[in-house]
Each structure stands twice: as structure tokens, then as C-alpha cells.
Amino acid sequence: MVRLSTPRRLAAITAATAAIITGIGGLSAANAAPAPGTSCGPNKVITTVHTCAPINSHCTGYDLMLIGRVDRAGRCVIPGMNGTTW
């Protein structure tokens, strides 16, 4: 295990904290997606990968594993968040 000096340890902790805060901020960003039913049709939204999907439908990651549900803003979220259901 590598021993870090106090300034390097502080820099590493600061960088990790900043990365976590930035990630959390991205999750709670304002819903800026178009309203449901605009160009996609009723009860559908434009997703973050630029496709149309029904609200609360299953969504997958790039490895095609099921990871969540499509929320009103078009993001893939954990079921139960942002108006999605299990």
C-alpha cells in the first residue's frame, strides 16, 4: 500500500468529494426535457439517448442489462424515483 503525504491525501479527498458532489448534482438536475406528448406522442418522452420511450418503461445500460425506468425527463432512474413505479 502506498503511503500518501498529508497534502496529497488532502488533495485526493478533495478530488473524490468534488466528484461525488458533481455526480449527485447531475442526478438532481432540473427536469429540462420536453413535456410528455410533444414530438414523441402521448405519454412518451425523448430519452437521454435521443429515442422516444413511454414514461415508466424499462430502460437498460449500454451492456443491455435492465437498470431502471424512464422518468418524465427521459432519464433512466431507479424504479420508484421521479414518478416511476416498481
C-alpha atoms as a PDB file:
ATOM      1  CA  MET A   1       0.000   0.000   0.000  1.00  0.00           C
ATOM      2  CA  VAL A   2       1.322   3.427  -0.934  1.00  0.00           C
ATOM      3  CA  ARG A   3       1.612   5.976   1.851  1.00  0.00           C
ATOM      4  CA  LEU A   4       0.477   9.458   0.867  1.00  0.00           C
ATOM      5  CA  SER A   5       1.778  12.637   2.390  1.00  0.00           C
ATOM      6  CA  THR A   6      -0.746  14.874   4.144  1.00  0.00           C
ATOM      7  CA  PRO A   7      -1.067  17.382   1.248  1.00  0.00           C
ATOM      8  CA  ARG A   8      -1.533  14.570  -1.285  1.00  0.00           C
ATOM      9  CA  ARG A   9      -4.055  12.822   0.953  1.00  0.00           C
ATOM     10  CA  LEU A  10      -5.988  16.092   1.322  1.00  0.00           C
ATOM     11  CA  ALA A  11      -5.910  16.627  -2.453  1.00  0.00           C
ATOM     12  CA  ALA A  12      -7.187  13.080  -3.061  1.00  0.00           C
ATOM     13  CA  ILE A  13     -10.011  13.504  -0.554  1.00  0.00           C
ATOM     14  CA  THR A  14     -10.966  16.879  -2.051  1.00  0.00           C
ATOM     15  CA  ALA A  15     -10.992  15.445  -5.588  1.00  0.00           C
ATOM     16  CA  ALA A  16     -13.109  12.453  -4.535  1.00  0.00           C
ATOM     17  CA  THR A  17     -15.563  14.689  -2.677  1.00  0.00           C
ATOM     18  CA  ALA A  18     -15.873  17.013  -5.679  1.00  0.00           C
ATOM     19  CA  ALA A  19     -16.531  14.056  -7.972  1.00  0.00           C
ATOM     20  CA  ILE A  20     -19.271  12.739  -5.700  1.00  0.00           C
ATOM     21  CA  ILE A  21     -20.934  16.143  -5.345  1.00  0.00           C
ATOM     22  CA  THR A  22     -20.814  16.708  -9.103  1.00  0.00           C
ATOM     23  CA  GLY A  23     -22.365  13.293  -9.717  1.00  0.00           C
ATOM     24  CA  ILE A  24     -25.162  13.876  -7.234  1.00  0.00           C
ATOM     25  CA  GLY A  25     -25.834  17.314  -8.701  1.00  0.00           C
ATOM     26  CA  GLY A  26     -26.258  15.766 -12.126  1.00  0.00           C
ATOM     27  CA  LEU A  27     -28.856  13.350 -10.783  1.00  0.00           C
ATOM     28  CA  SER A  28     -30.952  16.093  -9.256  1.00  0.00           C
ATOM     29  CA  ALA A  29     -30.766  18.487 -12.199  1.00  0.00           C
ATOM     30  CA  ALA A  30     -33.952  20.287 -13.176  1.00  0.00           C
ATOM     31  CA  ASN A  31     -36.313  18.446 -15.498  1.00  0.00           C
ATOM     32  CA  ALA A  32     -35.474  20.187 -18.753  1.00  0.00           C
ATOM     33  CA  ALA A  33     -36.807  17.500 -21.094  1.00  0.00           C
ATOM     34  CA  PRO A  34     -39.782  18.251 -23.331  1.00  0.00           C
ATOM     35  CA  ALA A  35     -43.237  17.698 -21.886  1.00  0.00           C
ATOM     36  CA  PRO A  36     -44.785  14.255 -22.450  1.00  0.00           C
ATOM     37  CA  GLY A  37     -46.717  14.015 -25.650  1.00  0.00           C
ATOM     38  CA  THR A  38     -44.728  16.596 -27.615  1.00  0.00           C
ATOM     39  CA  SER A  39     -42.887  15.131 -30.607  1.00  0.00           C
ATOM     40  CA  CYS A  40     -42.962  11.536 -29.353  1.00  0.00           C
ATOM     41  CA  GLY A  41     -46.691  11.111 -28.896  1.00  0.00           C
ATOM     42  CA  PRO A  42     -48.899  10.809 -25.816  1.00  0.00           C
ATOM     43  CA  ASN A  43     -47.240   9.591 -22.600  1.00  0.00           C
ATOM     44  CA  LYS A  44     -43.815   9.379 -24.258  1.00  0.00           C
ATOM     45  CA  VAL A  45     -40.621  11.378 -23.788  1.00  0.00           C
ATOM     46  CA  ILE A  46     -37.351  11.902 -25.612  1.00  0.00           C
ATOM     47  CA  THR A  47     -34.750   9.935 -23.662  1.00  0.00           C
ATOM     48  CA  THR A  48     -31.161  10.898 -22.929  1.00  0.00           C
ATOM     49  CA  VAL A  49     -30.072   8.626 -25.792  1.00  0.00           C
ATOM     50  CA  HIS A  50     -32.374  10.551 -28.187  1.00  0.00           C
ATOM     51  CA  THR A  51     -35.082   7.929 -28.640  1.00  0.00           C
ATOM     52  CA  CYS A  52     -38.783   8.047 -27.796  1.00  0.00           C
ATOM     53  CA  ALA A  53     -39.925   5.848 -24.916  1.00  0.00           C
ATOM     54  CA  PRO A  54     -43.094   5.543 -22.855  1.00  0.00           C
ATOM     55  CA  ILE A  55     -42.865   7.040 -19.369  1.00  0.00           C
ATOM     56  CA  ASN A  56     -42.196   4.339 -16.736  1.00  0.00           C
ATOM     57  CA  SER A  57     -40.967   1.822 -19.341  1.00  0.00           C
ATOM     58  CA  HIS A  58     -37.908  -0.335 -18.684  1.00  0.00           C
ATOM     59  CA  CYS A  59     -34.519   1.069 -19.664  1.00  0.00           C
ATOM     60  CA  THR A  60     -31.121  -0.545 -19.984  1.00  0.00           C
ATOM     61  CA  GLY A  61     -27.492   0.394 -19.723  1.00  0.00           C
ATOM     62  CA  TYR A  62     -25.009   0.118 -22.558  1.00  0.00           C
ATOM     63  CA  ASP A  63     -24.449  -3.531 -21.641  1.00  0.00           C
ATOM     64  CA  LEU A  64     -28.215  -4.125 -22.153  1.00  0.00           C
ATOM     65  CA  MET A  65     -28.779  -5.075 -18.510  1.00  0.00           C
ATOM     66  CA  LEU A  66     -32.063  -3.805 -17.082  1.00  0.00           C
ATOM     67  CA  ILE A  67     -31.226  -0.939 -14.745  1.00  0.00           C
ATOM     68  CA  GLY A  68     -34.330   1.165 -14.244  1.00  0.00           C
ATOM     69  CA  ARG A  69     -37.363   3.027 -15.549  1.00  0.00           C
ATOM     70  CA  VAL A  70     -37.750   6.054 -17.833  1.00  0.00           C
ATOM     71  CA  ASP A  71     -38.863   9.112 -15.839  1.00  0.00           C
ATOM     72  CA  ARG A  72     -40.772  12.205 -17.050  1.00  0.00           C
ATOM     73  CA  ALA A  73     -37.498  13.884 -18.039  1.00  0.00           C
ATOM     74  CA  GLY A  74     -36.326  10.977 -20.210  1.00  0.00           C
ATOM     75  CA  ARG A  75     -33.642   9.758 -17.786  1.00  0.00           C
ATOM     76  CA  CYS A  76     -33.201   6.152 -16.716  1.00  0.00           C
ATOM     77  CA  VAL A  77     -33.697   6.145 -12.933  1.00  0.00           C
ATOM     78  CA  ILE A  78     -34.057   3.645 -10.121  1.00  0.00           C
ATOM     79  CA  PRO A  79     -37.675   2.400 -10.018  1.00  0.00           C
ATOM     80  CA  GLY A  80     -39.716   4.412  -7.526  1.00  0.00           C
ATOM     81  CA  MET A  81     -37.906   7.720  -8.214  1.00  0.00           C
ATOM     82  CA  ASN A  82     -39.251  10.758 -10.108  1.00  0.00           C
ATOM     83  CA  GLY A  83     -42.766   9.379 -10.548  1.00  0.00           C
ATOM     84  CA  THR A  84     -41.778   5.883 -11.702  1.00  0.00           C
ATOM     85  CA  THR A  85     -43.145   2.689 -10.165  1.00  0.00           C
ATOM     86  CA  TRP A  86     -41.779  -0.760  -9.485  1.00  0.00           C
END
